[in-house]
Amino acid sequence: MIESGDGKGSKPVSYERIVFKNASEYHYLKIQLEFQEAGTSLNAVEFKQLIISALKRLHGEVGAALPVDVLTYEEKTWSAILRVPSRGLVKLWSALTLLGSCQNRKCAFRVIQLGTAEN
């Protein structure tokens, strides 16, 4: 037990963990892929495959099976809106964050916006 004060007649410090359950079934992420060098092209299929391979690299076959939907994709800016079940948000976000290369070029995903839709 942790005590506060000088140790003489001090009261124990207690901590309470509060967890809020999100009622939304899905989370939506607006993401953008940034390359260190210019000259890379990525179509929608390659973009989705990159996301799946990032999930597989970090979380294995279970991660690769996570249902991630690419709702929109802008090929010129490499930006997209993704939909993922709320239970898979942390897996997706961590996989995107740790991805470091695509087509042998250094890159990084940036999460620009996060949102939910109420049922």
PDB file of N, CA and C in Angstrom:
ATOM      1  N   MET A   1       0.838  -1.169   0.000  1.00  0.00           N
ATOM      2  CA  MET A   1       0.000   0.000   0.000  1.00  0.00           C
ATOM      3  C   MET A   1       0.887   1.237   0.000  1.00  0.00           C
ATOM      4  N   ILE A   2       0.526   2.210  -0.733  1.00  0.00           N
ATOM      5  CA  ILE A   2       1.277   3.454  -0.810  1.00  0.00           C
ATOM      6  C   ILE A   2       0.672   4.442   0.172  1.00  0.00           C
ATOM      7  N   GLU A   3       1.534   5.102   0.899  1.00  0.00           N
ATOM      8  CA  GLU A   3       1.064   6.094   1.843  1.00  0.00           C
ATOM      9  C   GLU A   3       1.534   7.466   1.408  1.00  0.00           C
ATOM     10  N   SER A   4       0.735   8.454   1.717  1.00  0.00           N
ATOM     11  CA  SER A   4       1.120   9.819   1.390  1.00  0.00           C
ATOM     12  C   SER A   4       1.571  10.534   2.649  1.00  0.00           C
ATOM     13  N   GLY A   5       2.360  11.540   2.473  1.00  0.00           N
ATOM     14  CA  GLY A   5       2.803  12.335   3.615  1.00  0.00           C
ATOM     15  C   GLY A   5       4.154  11.910   4.117  1.00  0.00           C
ATOM     16  N   ASP A   6       4.419  12.162   5.398  1.00  0.00           N
ATOM     17  CA  ASP A   6       5.732  11.913   5.975  1.00  0.00           C
ATOM     18  C   ASP A   6       5.882  10.523   6.576  1.00  0.00           C
ATOM     19  N   GLY A   7       4.883   9.689   6.493  1.00  0.00           N
ATOM     20  CA  GLY A   7       4.966   8.327   7.007  1.00  0.00           C
ATOM     21  C   GLY A   7       4.473   8.190   8.435  1.00  0.00           C
ATOM     22  N   LYS A   8       4.187   9.279   9.118  1.00  0.00           N
ATOM     23  CA  LYS A   8       3.715   9.245  10.500  1.00  0.00           C
ATOM     24  C   LYS A   8       2.233   9.572  10.507  1.00  0.00           C
ATOM     25  N   GLY A   9       1.433   8.544  10.634  1.00  0.00           N
ATOM     26  CA  GLY A   9      -0.006   8.763  10.668  1.00  0.00           C
ATOM     27  C   GLY A   9      -0.587   9.149   9.320  1.00  0.00           C
ATOM     28  N   SER A  10       0.082   8.794   8.259  1.00  0.00           N
ATOM     29  CA  SER A  10      -0.384   9.142   6.923  1.00  0.00           C
ATOM     30  C   SER A  10      -1.544   8.244   6.508  1.00  0.00           C
ATOM     31  N   LYS A  11      -2.363   8.774   5.629  1.00  0.00           N
ATOM     32  CA  LYS A  11      -3.491   8.001   5.119  1.00  0.00           C
ATOM     33  C   LYS A  11      -3.080   7.297   3.837  1.00  0.00           C
ATOM     34  N   PRO A  12      -3.547   6.057   3.632  1.00  0.00           N
ATOM     35  CA  PRO A  12      -3.216   5.341   2.400  1.00  0.00           C
ATOM     36  C   PRO A  12      -3.824   6.041   1.175  1.00  0.00           C
ATOM     37  N   VAL A  13      -3.074   6.008   0.081  1.00  0.00           N
ATOM     38  CA  VAL A  13      -3.545   6.580  -1.173  1.00  0.00           C
ATOM     39  C   VAL A  13      -4.172   5.454  -1.980  1.00  0.00           C
ATOM     40  N   SER A  14      -5.360   5.669  -2.469  1.00  0.00           N
ATOM     41  CA  SER A  14      -6.004   4.644  -3.289  1.00  0.00           C
ATOM     42  C   SER A  14      -6.269   5.205  -4.682  1.00  0.00           C
ATOM     43  N   TYR A  15      -6.237   4.313  -5.651  1.00  0.00           N
ATOM     44  CA  TYR A  15      -6.464   4.688  -7.033  1.00  0.00           C
ATOM     45  C   TYR A  15      -7.653   3.916  -7.556  1.00  0.00           C
ATOM     46  N   GLU A  16      -8.412   4.558  -8.394  1.00  0.00           N
ATOM     47  CA  GLU A  16      -9.584   3.918  -8.972  1.00  0.00           C
ATOM     48  C   GLU A  16      -9.461   3.969 -10.485  1.00  0.00           C
ATOM     49  N   ARG A  17      -9.632   2.834 -11.104  1.00  0.00           N
ATOM     50  CA  ARG A  17      -9.579   2.767 -12.559  1.00  0.00           C
ATOM     51  C   ARG A  17     -11.001   2.843 -13.091  1.00  0.00           C
ATOM     52  N   ILE A  18     -11.227   3.790 -13.983  1.00  0.00           N
ATOM     53  CA  ILE A  18     -12.547   3.963 -14.582  1.00  0.00           C
ATOM     54  C   ILE A  18     -12.425   3.677 -16.069  1.00  0.00           C
ATOM     55  N   VAL A  19     -13.255   2.779 -16.563  1.00  0.00           N
ATOM     56  CA  VAL A  19     -13.241   2.403 -17.970  1.00  0.00           C
ATOM     57  C   VAL A  19     -14.597   2.743 -18.564  1.00  0.00           C
ATOM     58  N   PHE A  20     -14.573   3.514 -19.640  1.00  0.00           N
ATOM     59  CA  PHE A  20     -15.796   3.846 -20.339  1.00  0.00           C
ATOM     60  C   PHE A  20     -15.924   2.944 -21.551  1.00  0.00           C
ATOM     61  N   LYS A  21     -17.047   2.262 -21.674  1.00  0.00           N
ATOM     62  CA  LYS A  21     -17.274   1.389 -22.817  1.00  0.00           C
ATOM     63  C   LYS A  21     -17.938   2.204 -23.914  1.00  0.00           C
ATOM     64  N   ASN A  22     -17.312   2.216 -25.069  1.00  0.00           N
ATOM     65  CA  ASN A  22     -17.864   2.935 -26.198  1.00  0.00           C
ATOM     66  C   ASN A  22     -19.002   2.112 -26.787  1.00  0.00           C
ATOM     67  N   ALA A  23     -20.150   2.724 -26.929  1.00  0.00           N
ATOM     68  CA  ALA A  23     -21.320   2.016 -27.442  1.00  0.00           C
ATOM     69  C   ALA A  23     -21.284   1.864 -28.961  1.00  0.00           C
ATOM     70  N   SER A  24     -20.385   2.561 -29.619  1.00  0.00           N
ATOM     71  CA  SER A  24     -20.313   2.514 -31.070  1.00  0.00           C
ATOM     72  C   SER A  24     -19.691   1.199 -31.532  1.00  0.00           C
ATOM     73  N   GLU A  25     -20.257   0.614 -32.557  1.00  0.00           N
ATOM     74  CA  GLU A  25     -19.764  -0.653 -33.091  1.00  0.00           C
ATOM     75  C   GLU A  25     -18.488  -0.458 -33.917  1.00  0.00           C
ATOM     76  N   TYR A  26     -18.380   0.696 -34.585  1.00  0.00           N
ATOM     77  CA  TYR A  26     -17.242   0.951 -35.473  1.00  0.00           C
ATOM     78  C   TYR A  26     -16.527   2.252 -35.110  1.00  0.00           C
ATOM     79  N   HIS A  27     -15.245   2.292 -35.442  1.00  0.00           N
ATOM     80  CA  HIS A  27     -14.465   3.523 -35.397  1.00  0.00           C
ATOM     81  C   HIS A  27     -14.055   3.840 -36.828  1.00  0.00           C
ATOM     82  N   TYR A  28     -13.951   5.122 -37.108  1.00  0.00           N
ATOM     83  CA  TYR A  28     -13.555   5.587 -38.430  1.00  0.00           C
ATOM     84  C   TYR A  28     -12.255   6.378 -38.286  1.00  0.00           C
ATOM     85  N   LEU A  29     -11.284   6.072 -39.117  1.00  0.00           N
ATOM     86  CA  LEU A  29     -10.004   6.762 -39.080  1.00  0.00           C
ATOM     87  C   LEU A  29      -9.755   7.433 -40.414  1.00  0.00           C
ATOM     88  N   LYS A  30      -9.387   8.685 -40.369  1.00  0.00           N
ATOM     89  CA  LYS A  30      -8.908   9.364 -41.568  1.00  0.00           C
ATOM     90  C   LYS A  30      -7.398   9.306 -41.470  1.00  0.00           C
ATOM     91  N   ILE A  31      -6.768   8.662 -42.449  1.00  0.00           N
ATOM     92  CA  ILE A  31      -5.323   8.460 -42.407  1.00  0.00           C
ATOM     93  C   ILE A  31      -4.672   8.986 -43.678  1.00  0.00           C
ATOM     94  N   GLN A  32      -3.380   9.222 -43.572  1.00  0.00           N
ATOM     95  CA  GLN A  32      -2.611   9.631 -44.746  1.00  0.00           C
ATOM     96  C   GLN A  32      -1.256   8.939 -44.690  1.00  0.00           C
ATOM     97  N   LEU A  33      -0.840   8.425 -45.824  1.00  0.00           N
ATOM     98  CA  LEU A  33       0.461   7.798 -45.955  1.00  0.00           C
ATOM     99  C   LEU A  33       1.440   8.843 -46.480  1.00  0.00           C
ATOM    100  N   GLU A  34       2.564   8.981 -45.785  1.00  0.00           N
ATOM    101  CA  GLU A  34       3.578   9.959 -46.191  1.00  0.00           C
ATOM    102  C   GLU A  34       4.866   9.225 -46.530  1.00  0.00           C
ATOM    103  N   PHE A  35       5.463   9.582 -47.655  1.00  0.00           N
ATOM    104  CA  PHE A  35       6.727   8.996 -48.086  1.00  0.00           C
ATOM    105  C   PHE A  35       7.852  10.002 -47.894  1.00  0.00           C
ATOM    106  N   GLN A  36       9.031   9.490 -47.571  1.00  0.00           N
ATOM    107  CA  GLN A  36      10.189  10.358 -47.408  1.00  0.00           C
ATOM    108  C   GLN A  36      10.632  10.903 -48.767  1.00  0.00           C
ATOM    109  N   GLU A  37      10.480  10.082 -49.812  1.00  0.00           N
ATOM    110  CA  GLU A  37      10.874  10.483 -51.164  1.00  0.00           C
ATOM    111  C   GLU A  37       9.653  10.491 -52.074  1.00  0.00           C
ATOM    112  N   ALA A  38       9.689  11.334 -53.071  1.00  0.00           N
ATOM    113  CA  ALA A  38       8.607  11.377 -54.056  1.00  0.00           C
ATOM    114  C   ALA A  38       8.792  10.252 -55.067  1.00  0.00           C
ATOM    115  N   GLY A  39       7.793  10.069 -55.908  1.00  0.00           N
ATOM    116  CA  GLY A  39       7.920   9.105 -56.996  1.00  0.00           C
ATOM    117  C   GLY A  39       7.299   7.751 -56.733  1.00  0.00           C
ATOM    118  N   THR A  40       6.438   7.655 -55.751  1.00  0.00           N
ATOM    119  CA  THR A  40       5.776   6.385 -55.450  1.00  0.00           C
ATOM    120  C   THR A  40       4.307   6.492 -55.835  1.00  0.00           C
ATOM    121  N   SER A  41       3.795   5.438 -56.426  1.00  0.00           N
ATOM    122  CA  SER A  41       2.365   5.400 -56.733  1.00  0.00           C
ATOM    123  C   SER A  41       1.759   4.173 -56.077  1.00  0.00           C
ATOM    124  N   LEU A  42       0.549   4.335 -55.617  1.00  0.00           N
ATOM    125  CA  LEU A  42      -0.153   3.274 -54.898  1.00  0.00           C
ATOM    126  C   LEU A  42      -1.630   3.344 -55.263  1.00  0.00           C
ATOM    127  N   ASN A  43      -2.147   2.286 -55.886  1.00  0.00           N
ATOM    128  CA  ASN A  43      -3.573   2.281 -56.177  1.00  0.00           C
ATOM    129  C   ASN A  43      -4.335   1.776 -54.950  1.00  0.00           C
ATOM    130  N   ALA A  44      -5.650   1.750 -55.025  1.00  0.00           N
ATOM    131  CA  ALA A  44      -6.489   1.389 -53.877  1.00  0.00           C
ATOM    132  C   ALA A  44      -6.229  -0.039 -53.393  1.00  0.00           C
ATOM    133  N   VAL A  45      -6.010  -0.964 -54.313  1.00  0.00           N
ATOM    134  CA  VAL A  45      -5.758  -2.359 -53.944  1.00  0.00           C
ATOM    135  C   VAL A  45      -4.421  -2.481 -53.210  1.00  0.00           C
ATOM    136  N   GLU A  46      -3.402  -1.811 -53.714  1.00  0.00           N
ATOM    137  CA  GLU A  46      -2.083  -1.841 -53.069  1.00  0.00           C
ATOM    138  C   GLU A  46      -2.129  -1.181 -51.686  1.00  0.00           C
ATOM    139  N   PHE A  47      -2.914  -0.114 -51.567  1.00  0.00           N
ATOM    140  CA  PHE A  47      -3.071   0.582 -50.289  1.00  0.00           C
ATOM    141  C   PHE A  47      -3.704  -0.343 -49.252  1.00  0.00           C
ATOM    142  N   LYS A  48      -4.759  -1.016 -49.645  1.00  0.00           N
ATOM    143  CA  LYS A  48      -5.431  -1.958 -48.731  1.00  0.00           C
ATOM    144  C   LYS A  48      -4.488  -3.101 -48.366  1.00  0.00           C
ATOM    145  N   GLN A  49      -3.746  -3.608 -49.336  1.00  0.00           N
ATOM    146  CA  GLN A  49      -2.795  -4.687 -49.074  1.00  0.00           C
ATOM    147  C   GLN A  49      -1.706  -4.249 -48.103  1.00  0.00           C
ATOM    148  N   LEU A  50      -1.285  -3.002 -48.196  1.00  0.00           N
ATOM    149  CA  LEU A  50      -0.290  -2.462 -47.277  1.00  0.00           C
ATOM    150  C   LEU A  50      -0.824  -2.463 -45.843  1.00  0.00           C
ATOM    151  N   ILE A  51      -2.073  -2.109 -45.670  1.00  0.00           N
ATOM    152  CA  ILE A  51      -2.700  -2.119 -44.347  1.00  0.00           C
ATOM    153  C   ILE A  51      -2.769  -3.541 -43.802  1.00  0.00           C
ATOM    154  N   ILE A  52      -3.177  -4.481 -44.641  1.00  0.00           N
ATOM    155  CA  ILE A  52      -3.270  -5.886 -44.215  1.00  0.00           C
ATOM    156  C   ILE A  52      -1.897  -6.432 -43.858  1.00  0.00           C
ATOM    157  N   SER A  53      -0.885  -6.100 -44.652  1.00  0.00           N
ATOM    158  CA  SER A  53       0.456  -6.603 -44.358  1.00  0.00           C
ATOM    159  C   SER A  53       1.006  -5.984 -43.072  1.00  0.00           C
ATOM    160  N   ALA A  54       0.664  -4.733 -42.786  1.00  0.00           N
ATOM    161  CA  ALA A  54       1.077  -4.106 -41.521  1.00  0.00           C
ATOM    162  C   ALA A  54       0.428  -4.828 -40.340  1.00  0.00           C
ATOM    163  N   LEU A  55      -0.843  -5.165 -40.466  1.00  0.00           N
ATOM    164  CA  LEU A  55      -1.540  -5.912 -39.414  1.00  0.00           C
ATOM    165  C   LEU A  55      -0.930  -7.293 -39.229  1.00  0.00           C
ATOM    166  N   LYS A  56      -0.633  -7.953 -40.335  1.00  0.00           N
ATOM    167  CA  LYS A  56      -0.051  -9.298 -40.266  1.00  0.00           C
ATOM    168  C   LYS A  56       1.341  -9.269 -39.649  1.00  0.00           C
ATOM    169  N   ARG A  57       2.144  -8.278 -40.012  1.00  0.00           N
ATOM    170  CA  ARG A  57       3.509  -8.170 -39.494  1.00  0.00           C
ATOM    171  C   ARG A  57       3.516  -8.005 -37.978  1.00  0.00           C
ATOM    172  N   LEU A  58       2.583  -7.227 -37.445  1.00  0.00           N
ATOM    173  CA  LEU A  58       2.574  -6.960 -36.010  1.00  0.00           C
ATOM    174  C   LEU A  58       1.743  -7.967 -35.222  1.00  0.00           C
ATOM    175  N   HIS A  59       0.607  -8.384 -35.772  1.00  0.00           N
ATOM    176  CA  HIS A  59      -0.337  -9.209 -35.018  1.00  0.00           C
ATOM    177  C   HIS A  59      -0.558 -10.604 -35.605  1.00  0.00           C
ATOM    178  N   GLY A  60       0.182 -10.964 -36.632  1.00  0.00           N
ATOM    179  CA  GLY A  60       0.073 -12.298 -37.207  1.00  0.00           C
ATOM    180  C   GLY A  60      -1.187 -12.489 -38.032  1.00  0.00           C
ATOM    181  N   GLU A  61      -1.554 -13.744 -38.235  1.00  0.00           N
ATOM    182  CA  GLU A  61      -2.724 -14.082 -39.058  1.00  0.00           C
ATOM    183  C   GLU A  61      -4.020 -13.540 -38.455  1.00  0.00           C
ATOM    184  N   VAL A  62      -4.085 -13.514 -37.139  1.00  0.00           N
ATOM    185  CA  VAL A  62      -5.282 -12.985 -36.474  1.00  0.00           C
ATOM    186  C   VAL A  62      -5.446 -11.502 -36.804  1.00  0.00           C
ATOM    187  N   GLY A  63      -4.346 -10.771 -36.778  1.00  0.00           N
ATOM    188  CA  GLY A  63      -4.396  -9.353 -37.135  1.00  0.00           C
ATOM    189  C   GLY A  63      -4.775  -9.132 -38.577  1.00  0.00           C
ATOM    190  N   ALA A  64      -4.239  -9.968 -39.462  1.00  0.00           N
ATOM    191  CA  ALA A  64      -4.547  -9.838 -40.890  1.00  0.00           C
ATOM    192  C   ALA A  64      -6.017 -10.126 -41.188  1.00  0.00           C
ATOM    193  N   ALA A  65      -6.672 -10.867 -40.307  1.00  0.00           N
ATOM    194  CA  ALA A  65      -8.085 -11.198 -40.493  1.00  0.00           C
ATOM    195  C   ALA A  65      -9.022 -10.117 -39.961  1.00  0.00           C
ATOM    196  N   LEU A  66      -8.481  -9.078 -39.356  1.00  0.00           N
ATOM    197  CA  LEU A  66      -9.306  -7.993 -38.824  1.00  0.00           C
ATOM    198  C   LEU A  66     -10.059  -7.318 -39.972  1.00  0.00           C
ATOM    199  N   PRO A  67     -11.370  -7.197 -39.863  1.00  0.00           N
ATOM    200  CA  PRO A  67     -12.127  -6.584 -40.964  1.00  0.00           C
ATOM    201  C   PRO A  67     -11.961  -5.063 -40.999  1.00  0.00           C
ATOM    202  N   VAL A  68     -11.111  -4.612 -41.899  1.00  0.00           N
ATOM    203  CA  VAL A  68     -10.877  -3.180 -42.095  1.00  0.00           C
ATOM    204  C   VAL A  68     -11.423  -2.805 -43.465  1.00  0.00           C
ATOM    205  N   ASP A  69     -12.300  -1.827 -43.505  1.00  0.00           N
ATOM    206  CA  ASP A  69     -12.883  -1.371 -44.767  1.00  0.00           C
ATOM    207  C   ASP A  69     -12.268  -0.041 -45.166  1.00  0.00           C
ATOM    208  N   VAL A  70     -11.817   0.055 -46.410  1.00  0.00           N
ATOM    209  CA  VAL A  70     -11.350   1.329 -46.960  1.00  0.00           C
ATOM    210  C   VAL A  70     -12.565   1.958 -47.625  1.00  0.00           C
ATOM    211  N   LEU A  71     -13.147   2.957 -46.962  1.00  0.00           N
ATOM    212  CA  LEU A  71     -14.370   3.572 -47.469  1.00  0.00           C
ATOM    213  C   LEU A  71     -14.091   4.554 -48.594  1.00  0.00           C
ATOM    214  N   THR A  72     -13.017   5.326 -48.449  1.00  0.00           N
ATOM    215  CA  THR A  72     -12.590   6.237 -49.519  1.00  0.00           C
ATOM    216  C   THR A  72     -11.074   6.180 -49.610  1.00  0.00           C
ATOM    217  N   TYR A  73     -10.568   6.404 -50.809  1.00  0.00           N
ATOM    218  CA  TYR A  73      -9.126   6.461 -51.002  1.00  0.00           C
ATOM    219  C   TYR A  73      -8.813   7.491 -52.072  1.00  0.00           C
ATOM    220  N   GLU A  74      -7.918   8.410 -51.758  1.00  0.00           N
ATOM    221  CA  GLU A  74      -7.477   9.436 -52.692  1.00  0.00           C
ATOM    222  C   GLU A  74      -6.050   9.108 -53.111  1.00  0.00           C
ATOM    223  N   GLU A  75      -5.910   8.645 -54.343  1.00  0.00           N
ATOM    224  CA  GLU A  75      -4.611   8.173 -54.830  1.00  0.00           C
ATOM    225  C   GLU A  75      -3.564   9.276 -54.922  1.00  0.00           C
ATOM    226  N   LYS A  76      -3.979  10.504 -55.177  1.00  0.00           N
ATOM    227  CA  LYS A  76      -3.023  11.613 -55.320  1.00  0.00           C
ATOM    228  C   LYS A  76      -2.365  11.977 -53.984  1.00  0.00           C
ATOM    229  N   THR A  77      -3.117  11.877 -52.900  1.00  0.00           N
ATOM    230  CA  THR A  77      -2.601  12.287 -51.588  1.00  0.00           C
ATOM    231  C   THR A  77      -2.352  11.096 -50.666  1.00  0.00           C
ATOM    232  N   TRP A  78      -2.627   9.901 -51.111  1.00  0.00           N
ATOM    233  CA  TRP A  78      -2.496   8.678 -50.321  1.00  0.00           C
ATOM    234  C   TRP A  78      -3.262   8.779 -49.000  1.00  0.00           C
ATOM    235  N   SER A  79      -4.443   9.374 -49.060  1.00  0.00           N
ATOM    236  CA  SER A  79      -5.261   9.494 -47.859  1.00  0.00           C
ATOM    237  C   SER A  79      -6.510   8.644 -48.010  1.00  0.00           C
ATOM    238  N   ALA A  80      -7.030   8.192 -46.871  1.00  0.00           N
ATOM    239  CA  ALA A  80      -8.172   7.295 -46.897  1.00  0.00           C
ATOM    240  C   ALA A  80      -8.987   7.439 -45.615  1.00  0.00           C
ATOM    241  N   ILE A  81     -10.215   6.971 -45.701  1.00  0.00           N
ATOM    242  CA  ILE A  81     -11.058   6.830 -44.515  1.00  0.00           C
ATOM    243  C   ILE A  81     -11.286   5.338 -44.327  1.00  0.00           C
ATOM    244  N   LEU A  82     -10.926   4.849 -43.148  1.00  0.00           N
ATOM    245  CA  LEU A  82     -11.058   3.433 -42.818  1.00  0.00           C
ATOM    246  C   LEU A  82     -12.160   3.234 -41.800  1.00  0.00           C
ATOM    247  N   ARG A  83     -12.809   2.079 -41.878  1.00  0.00           N
ATOM    248  CA  ARG A  83     -13.779   1.676 -40.861  1.00  0.00           C
ATOM    249  C   ARG A  83     -13.294   0.375 -40.252  1.00  0.00           C
ATOM    250  N   VAL A  84     -13.240   0.319 -38.931  1.00  0.00           N
ATOM    251  CA  VAL A  84     -12.780  -0.864 -38.222  1.00  0.00           C
ATOM    252  C   VAL A  84     -13.717  -1.108 -37.035  1.00  0.00           C
ATOM    253  N   PRO A  85     -14.014  -2.362 -36.733  1.00  0.00           N
ATOM    254  CA  PRO A  85     -14.802  -2.624 -35.521  1.00  0.00           C
ATOM    255  C   PRO A  85     -14.071  -2.051 -34.300  1.00  0.00           C
ATOM    256  N   SER A  86     -14.794  -1.522 -33.359  1.00  0.00           N
ATOM    257  CA  SER A  86     -14.200  -0.883 -32.187  1.00  0.00           C
ATOM    258  C   SER A  86     -13.228  -1.802 -31.464  1.00  0.00           C
ATOM    259  N   ARG A  87     -13.513  -3.092 -31.450  1.00  0.00           N
ATOM    260  CA  ARG A  87     -12.640  -4.042 -30.765  1.00  0.00           C
ATOM    261  C   ARG A  87     -11.270  -4.166 -31.434  1.00  0.00           C
ATOM    262  N   GLY A  88     -11.140  -3.724 -32.684  1.00  0.00           N
ATOM    263  CA  GLY A  88      -9.885  -3.840 -33.419  1.00  0.00           C
ATOM    264  C   GLY A  88      -9.144  -2.534 -33.606  1.00  0.00           C
ATOM    265  N   LEU A  89      -9.635  -1.452 -32.999  1.00  0.00           N
ATOM    266  CA  LEU A  89      -9.027  -0.138 -33.199  1.00  0.00           C
ATOM    267  C   LEU A  89      -7.563  -0.104 -32.760  1.00  0.00           C
ATOM    268  N   VAL A  90      -7.261  -0.627 -31.585  1.00  0.00           N
ATOM    269  CA  VAL A  90      -5.900  -0.575 -31.064  1.00  0.00           C
ATOM    270  C   VAL A  90      -4.953  -1.388 -31.945  1.00  0.00           C
ATOM    271  N   LYS A  91      -5.404  -2.552 -32.412  1.00  0.00           N
ATOM    272  CA  LYS A  91      -4.560  -3.373 -33.289  1.00  0.00           C
ATOM    273  C   LYS A  91      -4.255  -2.635 -34.590  1.00  0.00           C
ATOM    274  N   LEU A  92      -5.277  -2.042 -35.188  1.00  0.00           N
ATOM    275  CA  LEU A  92      -5.075  -1.325 -36.445  1.00  0.00           C
ATOM    276  C   LEU A  92      -4.154  -0.126 -36.244  1.00  0.00           C
ATOM    277  N   TRP A  93      -4.427   0.682 -35.253  1.00  0.00           N
ATOM    278  CA  TRP A  93      -3.650   1.893 -35.027  1.00  0.00           C
ATOM    279  C   TRP A  93      -2.186   1.550 -34.752  1.00  0.00           C
ATOM    280  N   SER A  94      -1.951   0.551 -33.936  1.00  0.00           N
ATOM    281  CA  SER A  94      -0.565   0.178 -33.625  1.00  0.00           C
ATOM    282  C   SER A  94       0.149  -0.353 -34.862  1.00  0.00           C
ATOM    283  N   ALA A  95      -0.534  -1.139 -35.682  1.00  0.00           N
ATOM    284  CA  ALA A  95       0.085  -1.670 -36.901  1.00  0.00           C
ATOM    285  C   ALA A  95       0.428  -0.546 -37.876  1.00  0.00           C
ATOM    286  N   LEU A  96      -0.461   0.424 -38.014  1.00  0.00           N
ATOM    287  CA  LEU A  96      -0.193   1.547 -38.910  1.00  0.00           C
ATOM    288  C   LEU A  96       0.965   2.391 -38.392  1.00  0.00           C
ATOM    289  N   THR A  97       0.998   2.595 -37.091  1.00  0.00           N
ATOM    290  CA  THR A  97       2.052   3.414 -36.485  1.00  0.00           C
ATOM    291  C   THR A  97       3.434   2.795 -36.680  1.00  0.00           C
ATOM    292  N   LEU A  98       3.522   1.484 -36.583  1.00  0.00           N
ATOM    293  CA  LEU A  98       4.815   0.818 -36.643  1.00  0.00           C
ATOM    294  C   LEU A  98       5.273   0.463 -38.050  1.00  0.00           C
ATOM    295  N   LEU A  99       4.434   0.689 -39.046  1.00  0.00           N
ATOM    296  CA  LEU A  99       4.854   0.450 -40.429  1.00  0.00           C
ATOM    297  C   LEU A  99       5.907   1.485 -40.802  1.00  0.00           C
ATOM    298  N   GLY A 100       7.002   1.049 -41.414  1.00  0.00           N
ATOM    299  CA  GLY A 100       8.081   1.979 -41.724  1.00  0.00           C
ATOM    300  C   GLY A 100       8.495   2.031 -43.176  1.00  0.00           C
ATOM    301  N   SER A 101       7.993   1.082 -43.996  1.00  0.00           N
ATOM    302  CA  SER A 101       8.403   1.112 -45.401  1.00  0.00           C
ATOM    303  C   SER A 101       7.332   0.500 -46.292  1.00  0.00           C
ATOM    304  N   CYS A 102       7.367   0.947 -47.532  1.00  0.00           N
ATOM    305  CA  CYS A 102       6.470   0.449 -48.575  1.00  0.00           C
ATOM    306  C   CYS A 102       7.237   0.525 -49.882  1.00  0.00           C
ATOM    307  N   GLN A 103       7.265  -0.576 -50.617  1.00  0.00           N
ATOM    308  CA  GLN A 103       7.991  -0.640 -51.882  1.00  0.00           C
ATOM    309  C   GLN A 103       9.449  -0.213 -51.698  1.00  0.00           C
ATOM    310  N   ASN A 104      10.053  -0.657 -50.607  1.00  0.00           N
ATOM    311  CA  ASN A 104      11.437  -0.355 -50.259  1.00  0.00           C
ATOM    312  C   ASN A 104      11.722   1.140 -50.100  1.00  0.00           C
ATOM    313  N   ARG A 105      10.699   1.897 -49.740  1.00  0.00           N
ATOM    314  CA  ARG A 105      10.852   3.333 -49.476  1.00  0.00           C
ATOM    315  C   ARG A 105      10.316   3.624 -48.082  1.00  0.00           C
ATOM    316  N   LYS A 106      11.002   4.514 -47.369  1.00  0.00           N
ATOM    317  CA  LYS A 106      10.568   4.872 -46.026  1.00  0.00           C
ATOM    318  C   LYS A 106       9.245   5.628 -46.082  1.00  0.00           C
ATOM    319  N   CYS A 107       8.342   5.266 -45.181  1.00  0.00           N
ATOM    320  CA  CYS A 107       7.037   5.913 -45.144  1.00  0.00           C
ATOM    321  C   CYS A 107       6.474   5.863 -43.729  1.00  0.00           C
ATOM    322  N   ALA A 108       5.384   6.579 -43.531  1.00  0.00           N
ATOM    323  CA  ALA A 108       4.704   6.579 -42.243  1.00  0.00           C
ATOM    324  C   ALA A 108       3.231   6.893 -42.454  1.00  0.00           C
ATOM    325  N   PHE A 109       2.379   6.197 -41.722  1.00  0.00           N
ATOM    326  CA  PHE A 109       0.959   6.527 -41.701  1.00  0.00           C
ATOM    327  C   PHE A 109       0.728   7.577 -40.637  1.00  0.00           C
ATOM    328  N   ARG A 110      -0.097   8.542 -40.941  1.00  0.00           N
ATOM    329  CA  ARG A 110      -0.522   9.550 -39.972  1.00  0.00           C
ATOM    330  C   ARG A 110      -2.027   9.414 -39.782  1.00  0.00           C
ATOM    331  N   VAL A 111      -2.448   9.322 -38.543  1.00  0.00           N
ATOM    332  CA  VAL A 111      -3.882   9.314 -38.241  1.00  0.00           C
ATOM    333  C   VAL A 111      -4.287  10.786 -38.086  1.00  0.00           C
ATOM    334  N   ILE A 112      -5.092  11.259 -38.995  1.00  0.00           N
ATOM    335  CA  ILE A 112      -5.477  12.659 -39.028  1.00  0.00           C
ATOM    336  C   ILE A 112      -6.713  12.912 -38.168  1.00  0.00           C
ATOM    337  N   GLN A 113      -7.633  11.951 -38.187  1.00  0.00           N
ATOM    338  CA  GLN A 113      -8.885  12.150 -37.445  1.00  0.00           C
ATOM    339  C   GLN A 113      -9.444  10.803 -37.050  1.00  0.00           C
ATOM    340  N   LEU A 114     -10.083  10.747 -35.911  1.00  0.00           N
ATOM    341  CA  LEU A 114     -10.719   9.537 -35.394  1.00  0.00           C
ATOM    342  C   LEU A 114     -12.152   9.873 -35.035  1.00  0.00           C
ATOM    343  N   GLY A 115     -13.065   8.997 -35.390  1.00  0.00           N
ATOM    344  CA  GLY A 115     -14.461   9.250 -35.075  1.00  0.00           C
ATOM    345  C   GLY A 115     -15.238   7.964 -34.898  1.00  0.00           C
ATOM    346  N   THR A 116     -16.454   8.113 -34.390  1.00  0.00           N
ATOM    347  CA  THR A 116     -17.371   6.999 -34.233  1.00  0.00           C
ATOM    348  C   THR A 116     -18.710   7.401 -34.808  1.00  0.00           C
ATOM    349  N   ALA A 117     -19.529   6.416 -35.052  1.00  0.00           N
ATOM    350  CA  ALA A 117     -20.903   6.659 -35.497  1.00  0.00           C
ATOM    351  C   ALA A 117     -21.814   5.932 -34.531  1.00  0.00           C
ATOM    352  N   GLU A 118     -22.768   6.623 -34.008  1.00  0.00           N
ATOM    353  CA  GLU A 118     -23.693   5.989 -33.068  1.00  0.00           C
ATOM    354  C   GLU A 118     -24.635   5.060 -33.819  1.00  0.00           C
ATOM    355  N   ASN A 119     -25.005   3.983 -33.142  1.00  0.00           N
ATOM    356  CA  ASN A 119     -25.903   2.983 -33.747  1.00  0.00           C
ATOM    357  C   ASN A 119     -27.280   3.534 -33.971  1.00  0.00           C
TER     358      ASN A 119
END
